[in-house]
Amino acid sequence: MTTRNAAATRPALLASHVGGLLLLVVPPLDMLMPAPASTETCNALRAQCFLADADPELKIRGCNAVVDAPREPVTVRARSYLHRGTAFATRGDNRRAIADYDAALDLVPRNAEVLFRRDIAKLACQDSTGGNADLRAALQIEPGIDNRLSHLRQ
């Protein structure tokens, strides 16, 4: 007797009675497990994190794939937190943006762009003291960053 789910595309367990015994034939485990996403699919998703014009939802999903991968270099993970924070800010979710900017700064503490973007998010959350402190710190690291990223304040 063979049991098979009609919708399944992978082999099912085979069972039969032989001399009063129930005999189970189990296919290899990798045939029972869901197929992992292809490398191309994973790379395409991860690439969304770093695309400037990516949809915020796709950017967040792509950055999730990067920040959850401990094998990634610290600088790549920090950049992913920056990009995901920016996507959250674009959605108006400034609290989550600040949390991601904090995570980026934990990994790479002297990052003027992260500090500048966190300044904007804090100001949007009515935290002018914290925002101004971040702006001062960003300007100490990179004088003129306020001019380079002035388009973000508009």
Protein backbone atom coordinates (compact mmCIF):
# COMPACT_ATOMS: atom_id res chain seq x y z
CA MET A 1 0.00 0.00 0.00
CA THR A 2 1.39 3.41 -0.95
CA THR A 3 0.16 6.59 0.66
CA ARG A 4 0.70 9.79 -1.28
CA ASN A 5 -0.64 13.28 -0.97
CA ALA A 6 -1.88 14.22 -4.43
CA ALA A 7 -0.64 17.79 -4.04
CA ALA A 8 2.84 16.76 -2.91
CA THR A 9 5.66 16.72 -5.40
CA ARG A 10 8.04 14.82 -3.14
CA PRO A 11 7.96 11.09 -2.43
CA ALA A 12 5.81 10.04 0.49
CA LEU A 13 6.40 7.29 2.99
CA LEU A 14 5.75 3.86 1.58
CA ALA A 15 4.12 1.30 3.86
CA SER A 16 3.15 -2.30 3.25
CA HIS A 17 2.36 -5.40 5.27
CA VAL A 18 4.83 -8.25 4.82
CA GLY A 19 4.11 -11.46 6.71
CA GLY A 20 2.12 -9.68 9.40
CA LEU A 21 4.78 -6.99 9.84
CA LEU A 22 4.39 -3.40 8.84
CA LEU A 23 7.28 -2.41 6.59
CA LEU A 24 8.02 1.30 6.18
CA VAL A 25 10.20 2.58 3.38
CA VAL A 26 11.38 6.09 4.12
CA PRO A 27 12.86 8.20 1.33
CA PRO A 28 16.00 10.20 2.11
CA LEU A 29 15.37 13.07 4.51
CA ASP A 30 16.30 15.72 1.95
CA MET A 31 13.40 14.52 -0.19
CA LEU A 32 10.93 15.04 2.68
CA MET A 33 12.16 18.49 3.67
CA PRO A 34 10.91 21.56 1.84
CA ALA A 35 13.32 22.68 -0.80
CA PRO A 36 15.44 25.60 0.34
CA ALA A 37 15.22 28.80 -1.60
CA SER A 38 17.67 28.81 -4.45
CA THR A 39 20.90 30.72 -4.07
CA GLU A 40 19.73 33.06 -6.81
CA THR A 41 16.49 33.77 -4.93
CA CYS A 42 18.37 34.43 -1.67
CA ASN A 43 20.88 36.69 -3.39
CA ALA A 44 18.12 38.62 -5.17
CA LEU A 45 16.31 39.14 -1.87
CA ARG A 46 19.50 40.23 -0.11
CA ALA A 47 20.29 42.62 -2.97
CA GLN A 48 17.04 44.49 -2.23
CA CYS A 49 18.63 45.64 1.01
CA PHE A 50 21.26 47.64 -0.85
CA LEU A 51 19.19 49.04 -3.72
CA ALA A 52 18.54 52.74 -3.29
CA ASP A 53 15.15 52.69 -5.00
CA ALA A 54 13.86 49.39 -3.60
CA ASP A 55 10.36 49.22 -2.18
CA PRO A 56 10.64 49.65 1.63
CA GLU A 57 8.97 46.29 2.31
CA LEU A 58 11.36 44.46 -0.02
CA LYS A 59 14.29 46.39 1.43
CA ILE A 60 13.29 45.33 4.96
CA ARG A 61 12.96 41.67 3.90
CA GLY A 62 16.30 41.79 2.12
CA CYS A 63 18.03 43.42 5.07
CA ASN A 64 16.49 40.85 7.43
CA ALA A 65 18.26 38.15 5.44
CA VAL A 66 21.58 39.96 5.83
CA VAL A 67 21.41 40.96 9.50
CA ASP A 68 20.28 37.46 10.48
CA ALA A 69 23.35 35.91 8.84
CA PRO A 70 26.13 35.90 11.46
CA ARG A 71 28.70 34.93 8.83
CA GLU A 72 28.39 38.38 7.24
CA PRO A 73 31.21 40.81 8.01
CA VAL A 74 30.38 43.34 10.72
CA THR A 75 30.52 46.25 8.27
CA VAL A 76 28.01 44.57 5.94
CA ARG A 77 25.62 43.85 8.81
CA ALA A 78 25.98 47.44 10.07
CA ARG A 79 25.18 48.75 6.57
CA SER A 80 22.15 46.45 6.48
CA TYR A 81 20.87 47.88 9.76
CA LEU A 82 21.34 51.36 8.29
CA HIS A 83 19.37 50.47 5.15
CA ARG A 84 16.63 48.69 7.08
CA GLY A 85 16.37 51.64 9.45
CA THR A 86 16.03 53.94 6.46
CA ALA A 87 13.24 51.73 5.09
CA PHE A 88 11.44 51.87 8.45
CA ALA A 89 11.83 55.66 8.48
CA THR A 90 10.42 55.84 4.96
CA ARG A 91 7.35 53.98 6.25
CA GLY A 92 7.09 56.45 9.13
CA ASP A 93 8.14 53.87 11.72
CA ASN A 94 10.81 56.02 13.35
CA ARG A 95 11.02 54.01 16.58
CA ARG A 96 12.07 50.91 14.65
CA ALA A 97 14.40 53.03 12.53
CA ILE A 98 16.11 54.28 15.70
CA ALA A 99 16.46 50.71 16.97
CA ASP A 100 18.18 49.70 13.73
CA TYR A 101 20.42 52.77 13.78
CA ASP A 102 21.35 51.84 17.37
CA ALA A 103 22.22 48.30 16.20
CA ALA A 104 24.36 49.70 13.37
CA LEU A 105 26.20 51.96 15.83
CA ASP A 106 26.78 49.01 18.16
CA LEU A 107 28.64 47.32 15.31
CA VAL A 108 30.39 50.40 13.85
CA PRO A 109 30.27 53.19 16.47
CA ARG A 110 31.75 56.10 14.50
CA ASN A 111 29.43 56.24 11.51
CA ALA A 112 28.41 59.79 10.68
CA GLU A 113 25.64 58.81 8.27
CA VAL A 114 23.95 56.55 10.82
CA LEU A 115 24.17 59.28 13.45
CA PHE A 116 22.74 61.83 11.02
CA ARG A 117 19.83 59.58 10.06
CA ARG A 118 19.18 58.74 13.72
CA ASP A 119 19.13 62.49 14.41
CA ILE A 120 16.31 62.89 11.87
CA ALA A 121 14.36 59.93 13.29
CA LYS A 122 14.73 61.22 16.85
CA LEU A 123 13.53 64.66 15.82
CA ALA A 124 10.49 63.01 14.19
CA CYS A 125 9.84 61.34 17.57
CA GLN A 126 10.02 64.72 19.33
CA ASP A 127 13.42 63.92 20.89
CA SER A 128 15.24 67.15 20.03
CA THR A 129 17.87 66.64 22.76
CA GLY A 130 18.85 63.21 21.43
CA GLY A 131 18.60 64.36 17.83
CA ASN A 132 20.83 67.37 18.39
CA ALA A 133 23.39 65.22 20.23
CA ASP A 134 23.49 62.83 17.26
CA LEU A 135 23.90 65.73 14.83
CA ARG A 136 26.81 67.14 16.85
CA ALA A 137 28.47 63.70 16.97
CA ALA A 138 27.98 63.22 13.21
CA LEU A 139 29.52 66.63 12.49
CA GLN A 140 32.54 65.82 14.67
CA ILE A 141 33.15 62.65 12.65
CA GLU A 142 32.39 64.17 9.24
CA PRO A 143 32.21 67.95 9.09
CA GLY A 144 29.81 68.91 6.32
CA ILE A 145 27.66 65.78 6.50
CA ASP A 146 24.68 68.05 7.04
CA ASN A 147 25.34 69.52 3.58
CA ARG A 148 25.96 66.13 1.96
CA LEU A 149 22.70 64.69 3.34
CA SER A 150 20.65 67.87 3.53
CA HIS A 151 18.06 66.36 1.16
CA LEU A 152 17.03 64.03 3.98
CA ARG A 153 15.81 66.93 6.11
CA GLN A 154 13.28 68.09 3.53
